[in-house]
Amino acid sequence: MRISIYLLLVLTGSHSAALSAAVQVYRCTANNGAVTFSDHGCPSASRQSTYQLATPIPLPALPPSTSQQRSSQQPRQHTRVTVIAEDTQPCGAFNPTERRTHLVRKQVTRGMSQAEIESMFGKPLTQRSHNGITQATYRSAKGHQRSVRFDQRGCVP
């Protein structure tokens, strides 16, 4: 499952020295495909990927609601928010005219994403993954089948 929206990960901390240090973030992918991000390790039943964020972006936390402010007289803690975003075009930038021409002519070209291939041929008939390479078979014109390979990022190599 590809994530194409910006994700926010809230990490708390009150030390100013921690704001300038690198942060390690864990991406946990459950067996059902659900993705979560954490500053702690992942459960043993999920796949774990780590990301080193050299310069986190500190953002002020949202103010608590007025009812919480009245009931709580504790000093306000600073909250650090780290924004993690995936590239909007992880497969590379195409000239929009070229991209449209390839899509209309149903020409598979290096750098196309899996979503673009599916927009041409529909959902794959079969899909297999091995060593980070995914091979999908699609139905093309006149009942023929078309096999396309994708790399780990979901791009045509």
Protein backbone atom coordinates (compact mmCIF):
# COMPACT_ATOMS: atom_id res chain seq x y z
CA MET A 1 0.00 0.00 0.00
CA ARG A 2 1.52 3.28 -1.05
CA ILE A 3 1.23 6.33 1.06
CA SER A 4 1.02 9.52 -0.91
CA ILE A 5 -0.12 11.94 1.76
CA TYR A 6 1.88 13.78 4.31
CA LEU A 7 2.16 12.04 7.63
CA LEU A 8 2.59 13.72 10.94
CA LEU A 9 4.44 12.08 13.77
CA VAL A 10 4.21 13.66 17.16
CA LEU A 11 7.21 13.19 19.42
CA THR A 12 7.26 14.81 22.82
CA GLY A 13 10.32 16.29 24.49
CA SER A 14 11.22 19.31 26.52
CA HIS A 15 15.00 19.51 26.11
CA SER A 16 16.33 22.02 23.61
CA ALA A 17 19.37 19.82 22.96
CA ALA A 18 17.08 17.06 21.73
CA LEU A 19 15.65 19.37 19.08
CA SER A 20 18.98 19.63 17.28
CA ALA A 21 19.83 15.91 17.51
CA ALA A 22 19.02 13.32 14.87
CA VAL A 23 15.79 11.40 15.36
CA GLN A 24 15.22 7.78 14.48
CA VAL A 25 11.68 6.99 13.34
CA TYR A 26 10.30 3.49 12.88
CA ARG A 27 7.84 2.63 10.12
CA CYS A 28 5.79 -0.42 11.08
CA THR A 29 3.84 -2.34 8.44
CA ALA A 30 1.33 -4.82 9.84
CA ASN A 31 0.36 -8.05 8.06
CA ASN A 32 -2.86 -6.42 6.86
CA GLY A 33 -0.91 -3.54 5.24
CA ALA A 34 -1.63 -0.88 7.89
CA VAL A 35 1.31 1.51 8.35
CA THR A 36 2.16 3.30 11.58
CA PHE A 37 5.09 5.49 12.57
CA SER A 38 6.65 5.47 16.02
CA ASP A 39 9.67 6.67 17.93
CA HIS A 40 9.86 3.19 19.54
CA GLY A 41 10.38 -0.17 17.86
CA CYS A 42 7.64 -2.10 16.07
CA PRO A 43 5.71 -5.10 17.41
CA SER A 44 7.23 -8.45 16.46
CA ALA A 45 4.33 -9.29 14.11
CA SER A 46 5.03 -6.34 11.79
CA ARG A 47 7.80 -5.38 9.35
CA GLN A 48 10.07 -2.58 10.53
CA SER A 49 11.87 0.11 8.54
CA THR A 50 13.92 2.86 10.15
CA TYR A 51 14.42 6.43 9.01
CA GLN A 52 17.09 8.80 10.30
CA LEU A 53 15.84 12.37 10.37
CA ALA A 54 18.90 14.58 10.64
CA THR A 55 17.06 17.84 11.16
CA PRO A 56 13.57 17.53 12.59
CA ILE A 57 11.26 20.46 12.02
CA PRO A 58 10.10 21.76 15.42
CA LEU A 59 6.56 23.10 15.32
CA PRO A 60 4.61 24.47 18.26
CA ALA A 61 1.91 22.18 19.55
CA LEU A 62 -1.74 23.07 19.23
CA PRO A 63 -3.03 24.86 22.33
CA PRO A 64 -5.17 22.74 24.64
CA SER A 65 -8.87 23.46 24.76
CA THR A 66 -10.06 26.14 27.18
CA SER A 67 -11.73 23.57 29.42
CA GLN A 68 -8.43 21.73 29.78
CA GLN A 69 -6.60 24.98 30.51
CA ARG A 70 -8.97 25.80 33.37
CA SER A 71 -8.83 22.34 34.90
CA SER A 72 -5.08 21.95 34.58
CA GLN A 73 -2.71 24.32 36.32
CA GLN A 74 0.43 22.39 35.29
CA PRO A 75 3.14 24.24 33.34
CA ARG A 76 2.83 23.81 29.59
CA GLN A 77 5.16 21.26 28.02
CA HIS A 78 6.67 21.83 24.60
CA THR A 79 5.80 19.28 21.95
CA ARG A 80 7.98 18.53 18.99
CA VAL A 81 6.29 17.60 15.71
CA THR A 82 8.27 15.93 12.94
CA VAL A 83 6.78 16.02 9.44
CA ILE A 84 7.56 13.03 7.27
CA ALA A 85 6.60 13.29 3.61
CA GLU A 86 7.05 10.98 0.71
CA ASP A 87 8.10 12.35 -2.62
CA THR A 88 5.03 13.24 -4.70
CA GLN A 89 6.78 11.86 -7.81
CA PRO A 90 9.02 9.07 -6.50
CA CYS A 91 9.50 7.59 -9.99
CA GLY A 92 10.83 10.73 -11.61
CA ALA A 93 9.41 13.76 -13.30
CA PHE A 94 8.02 13.51 -16.82
CA ASN A 95 7.11 16.27 -19.19
CA PRO A 96 3.28 16.40 -18.76
CA THR A 97 2.77 16.18 -22.54
CA GLU A 98 5.00 13.08 -22.79
CA ARG A 99 3.26 11.47 -19.82
CA ARG A 100 -0.18 12.01 -21.35
CA THR A 101 0.98 10.69 -24.74
CA HIS A 102 2.33 7.49 -23.12
CA LEU A 103 -0.88 7.01 -21.12
CA VAL A 104 -3.15 7.51 -24.14
CA ARG A 105 -1.06 5.19 -26.34
CA LYS A 106 -0.76 2.68 -23.45
CA GLN A 107 3.02 2.68 -23.71
CA VAL A 108 4.85 1.50 -20.60
CA THR A 109 7.91 3.68 -20.07
CA ARG A 110 10.74 3.69 -17.53
CA GLY A 111 9.82 5.91 -14.59
CA MET A 112 6.07 5.27 -14.65
CA SER A 113 4.40 4.46 -11.36
CA GLN A 114 2.24 1.45 -10.64
CA ALA A 115 -0.78 3.76 -10.32
CA GLU A 116 -0.18 5.05 -13.85
CA ILE A 117 0.08 1.52 -15.23
CA GLU A 118 -3.15 0.59 -13.45
CA SER A 119 -4.85 3.64 -14.95
CA MET A 120 -3.96 2.27 -18.41
CA PHE A 121 -4.70 -1.44 -17.94
CA GLY A 122 -6.81 -1.69 -14.76
CA LYS A 123 -6.03 -3.86 -11.75
CA PRO A 124 -3.45 -6.62 -12.29
CA LEU A 125 -4.64 -10.15 -13.04
CA THR A 126 -1.73 -11.58 -11.03
CA GLN A 127 1.00 -10.04 -8.95
CA ARG A 128 4.17 -11.62 -7.54
CA SER A 129 6.97 -10.13 -5.45
CA HIS A 130 10.51 -11.42 -5.04
CA ASN A 131 13.55 -9.59 -3.63
CA GLY A 132 11.81 -6.22 -3.77
CA ILE A 133 10.78 -6.60 -7.42
CA THR A 134 7.07 -6.89 -8.13
CA GLN A 135 5.87 -8.43 -11.37
CA ALA A 136 2.26 -7.77 -12.34
CA THR A 137 0.31 -9.16 -15.28
CA TYR A 138 -2.38 -6.99 -16.86
CA ARG A 139 -4.97 -7.58 -19.56
CA SER A 140 -4.15 -5.47 -22.60
CA ALA A 141 -5.83 -5.02 -25.97
CA LYS A 142 -7.60 -7.93 -27.71
CA GLY A 143 -7.35 -10.24 -24.70
CA HIS A 144 -3.55 -10.29 -24.66
CA GLN A 145 -1.65 -10.14 -21.39
CA ARG A 146 1.07 -7.64 -20.54
CA SER A 147 3.68 -8.25 -17.83
CA VAL A 148 5.24 -5.23 -16.08
CA ARG A 149 7.95 -5.16 -13.40
CA PHE A 150 8.14 -2.60 -10.59
CA ASP A 151 11.02 -1.81 -8.23
CA GLN A 152 10.73 -1.35 -4.45
CA ARG A 153 9.28 2.15 -4.89
CA GLY A 154 6.54 0.93 -7.25
CA CYS A 155 8.25 2.36 -10.34
CA VAL A 156 8.98 0.80 -13.73
CA PRO A 157 12.80 0.39 -13.79
